[in-house]
Amino acid sequence: MKNLIIKGHLSIENEKGHLMGMGKKQLLEKIKETGSIKAAATEMQISYRHAWEMIKKMNAISDAPLVIKNTGGSSGGGTVVTEEGEKLIACYIKLNAAFEEFKEQICKTI
């Protein structure tokens, strides 16, 4: 069979549930870039509430917080992706590259 395309998306889970997919990875990357949930949500064209719900779920499922929100004050607060969050982003990128390679290679053998 020629010209077959295998589609699929990587999802990282643990015993508590869905930890990260492409959308959550992008959200963490945008927070890292902007230092703000609101700015990250705006860039992704999702609501602040949706972004915050995604963060709360990731933090609840993860063994350690992935994102820490600092509330206002004179410095204006901000949001930080933790070291654990950075590690998960790197893990996702590495696994996704291998997954994409697998999909490409398996199509050549069918």
C-alpha atoms as a PDB file:
ATOM      1  CA  MET A   1       0.000   0.000   0.000  1.00  0.00           C
ATOM      2  CA  LYS A   2       1.542   3.242  -1.097  1.00  0.00           C
ATOM      3  CA  ASN A   3       1.036   6.788   0.100  1.00  0.00           C
ATOM      4  CA  LEU A   4      -0.261   5.837   3.531  1.00  0.00           C
ATOM      5  CA  ILE A   5       0.053   8.429   6.248  1.00  0.00           C
ATOM      6  CA  ILE A   6      -0.072   7.478   9.892  1.00  0.00           C
ATOM      7  CA  LYS A   7      -1.485  10.177  12.129  1.00  0.00           C
ATOM      8  CA  GLY A   8      -1.386  10.360  15.851  1.00  0.00           C
ATOM      9  CA  HIS A   9      -0.408  12.663  18.657  1.00  0.00           C
ATOM     10  CA  LEU A  10       1.825  12.034  21.610  1.00  0.00           C
ATOM     11  CA  SER A  11       0.239  12.119  25.040  1.00  0.00           C
ATOM     12  CA  ILE A  12       2.179  11.748  28.278  1.00  0.00           C
ATOM     13  CA  GLU A  13       0.250  10.314  31.190  1.00  0.00           C
ATOM     14  CA  ASN A  14       0.955   9.021  34.658  1.00  0.00           C
ATOM     15  CA  GLU A  15      -1.171   6.970  37.047  1.00  0.00           C
ATOM     16  CA  LYS A  16      -3.204  10.102  37.890  1.00  0.00           C
ATOM     17  CA  GLY A  17      -4.130  10.997  34.304  1.00  0.00           C
ATOM     18  CA  HIS A  18      -3.204  13.032  31.215  1.00  0.00           C
ATOM     19  CA  LEU A  19      -0.152  15.124  32.013  1.00  0.00           C
ATOM     20  CA  MET A  20       0.907  16.644  28.709  1.00  0.00           C
ATOM     21  CA  GLY A  21       0.060  16.809  25.046  1.00  0.00           C
ATOM     22  CA  MET A  22       0.970  19.344  22.379  1.00  0.00           C
ATOM     23  CA  GLY A  23      -1.406  22.044  23.681  1.00  0.00           C
ATOM     24  CA  LYS A  24      -0.164  21.853  27.260  1.00  0.00           C
ATOM     25  CA  LYS A  25       3.438  21.844  26.064  1.00  0.00           C
ATOM     26  CA  GLN A  26       2.753  24.973  24.019  1.00  0.00           C
ATOM     27  CA  LEU A  27       1.105  26.641  27.003  1.00  0.00           C
ATOM     28  CA  LEU A  28       4.135  25.984  29.216  1.00  0.00           C
ATOM     29  CA  GLU A  29       6.469  27.281  26.508  1.00  0.00           C
ATOM     30  CA  LYS A  30       4.405  30.470  26.122  1.00  0.00           C
ATOM     31  CA  ILE A  31       4.339  31.013  29.886  1.00  0.00           C
ATOM     32  CA  LYS A  32       8.106  30.552  29.930  1.00  0.00           C
ATOM     33  CA  GLU A  33       8.470  33.148  27.129  1.00  0.00           C
ATOM     34  CA  THR A  34       6.046  35.710  28.525  1.00  0.00           C
ATOM     35  CA  GLY A  35       6.081  35.135  32.288  1.00  0.00           C
ATOM     36  CA  SER A  36       2.304  35.488  32.201  1.00  0.00           C
ATOM     37  CA  ILE A  37      -0.670  33.149  31.964  1.00  0.00           C
ATOM     38  CA  LYS A  38      -2.761  35.910  30.396  1.00  0.00           C
ATOM     39  CA  ALA A  39      -0.174  36.706  27.729  1.00  0.00           C
ATOM     40  CA  ALA A  40       0.350  33.019  27.001  1.00  0.00           C
ATOM     41  CA  ALA A  41      -3.400  32.460  26.673  1.00  0.00           C
ATOM     42  CA  THR A  42      -3.745  35.466  24.390  1.00  0.00           C
ATOM     43  CA  GLU A  43      -0.955  34.226  22.117  1.00  0.00           C
ATOM     44  CA  MET A  44      -2.570  30.789  21.969  1.00  0.00           C
ATOM     45  CA  GLN A  45      -6.010  32.310  21.354  1.00  0.00           C
ATOM     46  CA  ILE A  46      -7.560  30.577  24.365  1.00  0.00           C
ATOM     47  CA  SER A  47      -9.255  32.118  27.370  1.00  0.00           C
ATOM     48  CA  TYR A  48      -7.346  32.871  30.557  1.00  0.00           C
ATOM     49  CA  ARG A  49      -9.749  30.588  32.397  1.00  0.00           C
ATOM     50  CA  HIS A  50      -9.030  27.681  30.049  1.00  0.00           C
ATOM     51  CA  ALA A  51      -5.272  28.221  30.412  1.00  0.00           C
ATOM     52  CA  TRP A  52      -5.568  28.379  34.207  1.00  0.00           C
ATOM     53  CA  GLU A  53      -7.650  25.171  34.274  1.00  0.00           C
ATOM     54  CA  MET A  54      -4.994  23.422  32.167  1.00  0.00           C
ATOM     55  CA  ILE A  55      -2.298  24.547  34.608  1.00  0.00           C
ATOM     56  CA  LYS A  56      -4.288  23.461  37.660  1.00  0.00           C
ATOM     57  CA  LYS A  57      -4.836  20.007  36.154  1.00  0.00           C
ATOM     58  CA  MET A  58      -1.162  19.605  35.210  1.00  0.00           C
ATOM     59  CA  ASN A  59      -0.027  20.686  38.673  1.00  0.00           C
ATOM     60  CA  ALA A  60      -2.506  18.324  40.345  1.00  0.00           C
ATOM     61  CA  ILE A  61      -1.434  15.348  38.219  1.00  0.00           C
ATOM     62  CA  SER A  62       2.308  15.983  38.372  1.00  0.00           C
ATOM     63  CA  ASP A  63       4.442  14.842  41.293  1.00  0.00           C
ATOM     64  CA  ALA A  64       5.740  18.415  41.641  1.00  0.00           C
ATOM     65  CA  PRO A  65       4.260  21.734  40.418  1.00  0.00           C
ATOM     66  CA  LEU A  66       5.031  22.547  36.790  1.00  0.00           C
ATOM     67  CA  VAL A  67       3.929  26.177  37.026  1.00  0.00           C
ATOM     68  CA  ILE A  68       3.997  28.590  39.961  1.00  0.00           C
ATOM     69  CA  LYS A  69       1.798  31.689  39.905  1.00  0.00           C
ATOM     70  CA  ASN A  70       3.009  34.694  41.881  1.00  0.00           C
ATOM     71  CA  THR A  71       0.227  37.123  42.718  1.00  0.00           C
ATOM     72  CA  GLY A  72       0.454  40.892  42.135  1.00  0.00           C
ATOM     73  CA  GLY A  73       2.019  43.405  44.432  1.00  0.00           C
ATOM     74  CA  SER A  74       4.368  46.214  43.490  1.00  0.00           C
ATOM     75  CA  SER A  75       6.335  43.970  41.132  1.00  0.00           C
ATOM     76  CA  GLY A  76       3.145  42.864  39.340  1.00  0.00           C
ATOM     77  CA  GLY A  77       3.402  39.146  40.076  1.00  0.00           C
ATOM     78  CA  GLY A  78       4.018  36.767  37.217  1.00  0.00           C
ATOM     79  CA  THR A  79       4.139  33.093  36.444  1.00  0.00           C
ATOM     80  CA  VAL A  80       7.117  30.762  36.361  1.00  0.00           C
ATOM     81  CA  VAL A  81       7.607  27.367  34.744  1.00  0.00           C
ATOM     82  CA  THR A  82       9.408  25.281  37.355  1.00  0.00           C
ATOM     83  CA  GLU A  83      12.435  23.067  36.804  1.00  0.00           C
ATOM     84  CA  GLU A  84      10.040  20.098  36.785  1.00  0.00           C
ATOM     85  CA  GLY A  85       8.016  21.847  34.063  1.00  0.00           C
ATOM     86  CA  GLU A  86      11.163  22.489  32.032  1.00  0.00           C
ATOM     87  CA  LYS A  87      12.124  18.817  32.319  1.00  0.00           C
ATOM     88  CA  LEU A  88       8.675  17.734  31.144  1.00  0.00           C
ATOM     89  CA  ILE A  89       8.826  20.077  28.133  1.00  0.00           C
ATOM     90  CA  ALA A  90      12.235  18.635  27.186  1.00  0.00           C
ATOM     91  CA  CYS A  91      10.946  15.087  27.664  1.00  0.00           C
ATOM     92  CA  TYR A  92       7.913  15.794  25.472  1.00  0.00           C
ATOM     93  CA  ILE A  93      10.057  17.303  22.714  1.00  0.00           C
ATOM     94  CA  LYS A  94      12.416  14.307  22.731  1.00  0.00           C
ATOM     95  CA  LEU A  95       9.609  11.731  22.790  1.00  0.00           C
ATOM     96  CA  ASN A  96       7.633  13.565  20.114  1.00  0.00           C
ATOM     97  CA  ALA A  97      10.650  13.632  17.765  1.00  0.00           C
ATOM     98  CA  ALA A  98      11.047   9.872  18.213  1.00  0.00           C
ATOM     99  CA  PHE A  99       7.300   9.370  17.688  1.00  0.00           C
ATOM    100  CA  GLU A 100       7.322  11.397  14.465  1.00  0.00           C
ATOM    101  CA  GLU A 101      10.322   9.407  13.222  1.00  0.00           C
ATOM    102  CA  PHE A 102       8.546   6.159  14.080  1.00  0.00           C
ATOM    103  CA  LYS A 103       5.443   7.206  12.123  1.00  0.00           C
ATOM    104  CA  GLU A 104       7.563   8.101   9.114  1.00  0.00           C
ATOM    105  CA  GLN A 105       9.590   4.886   9.218  1.00  0.00           C
ATOM    106  CA  ILE A 106       6.634   2.564   9.745  1.00  0.00           C
ATOM    107  CA  CYS A 107       4.917   3.989   6.660  1.00  0.00           C
ATOM    108  CA  LYS A 108       7.913   2.911   4.591  1.00  0.00           C
ATOM    109  CA  THR A 109       7.483  -0.714   5.708  1.00  0.00           C
ATOM    110  CA  ILE A 110       3.782  -1.095   4.973  1.00  0.00           C
END
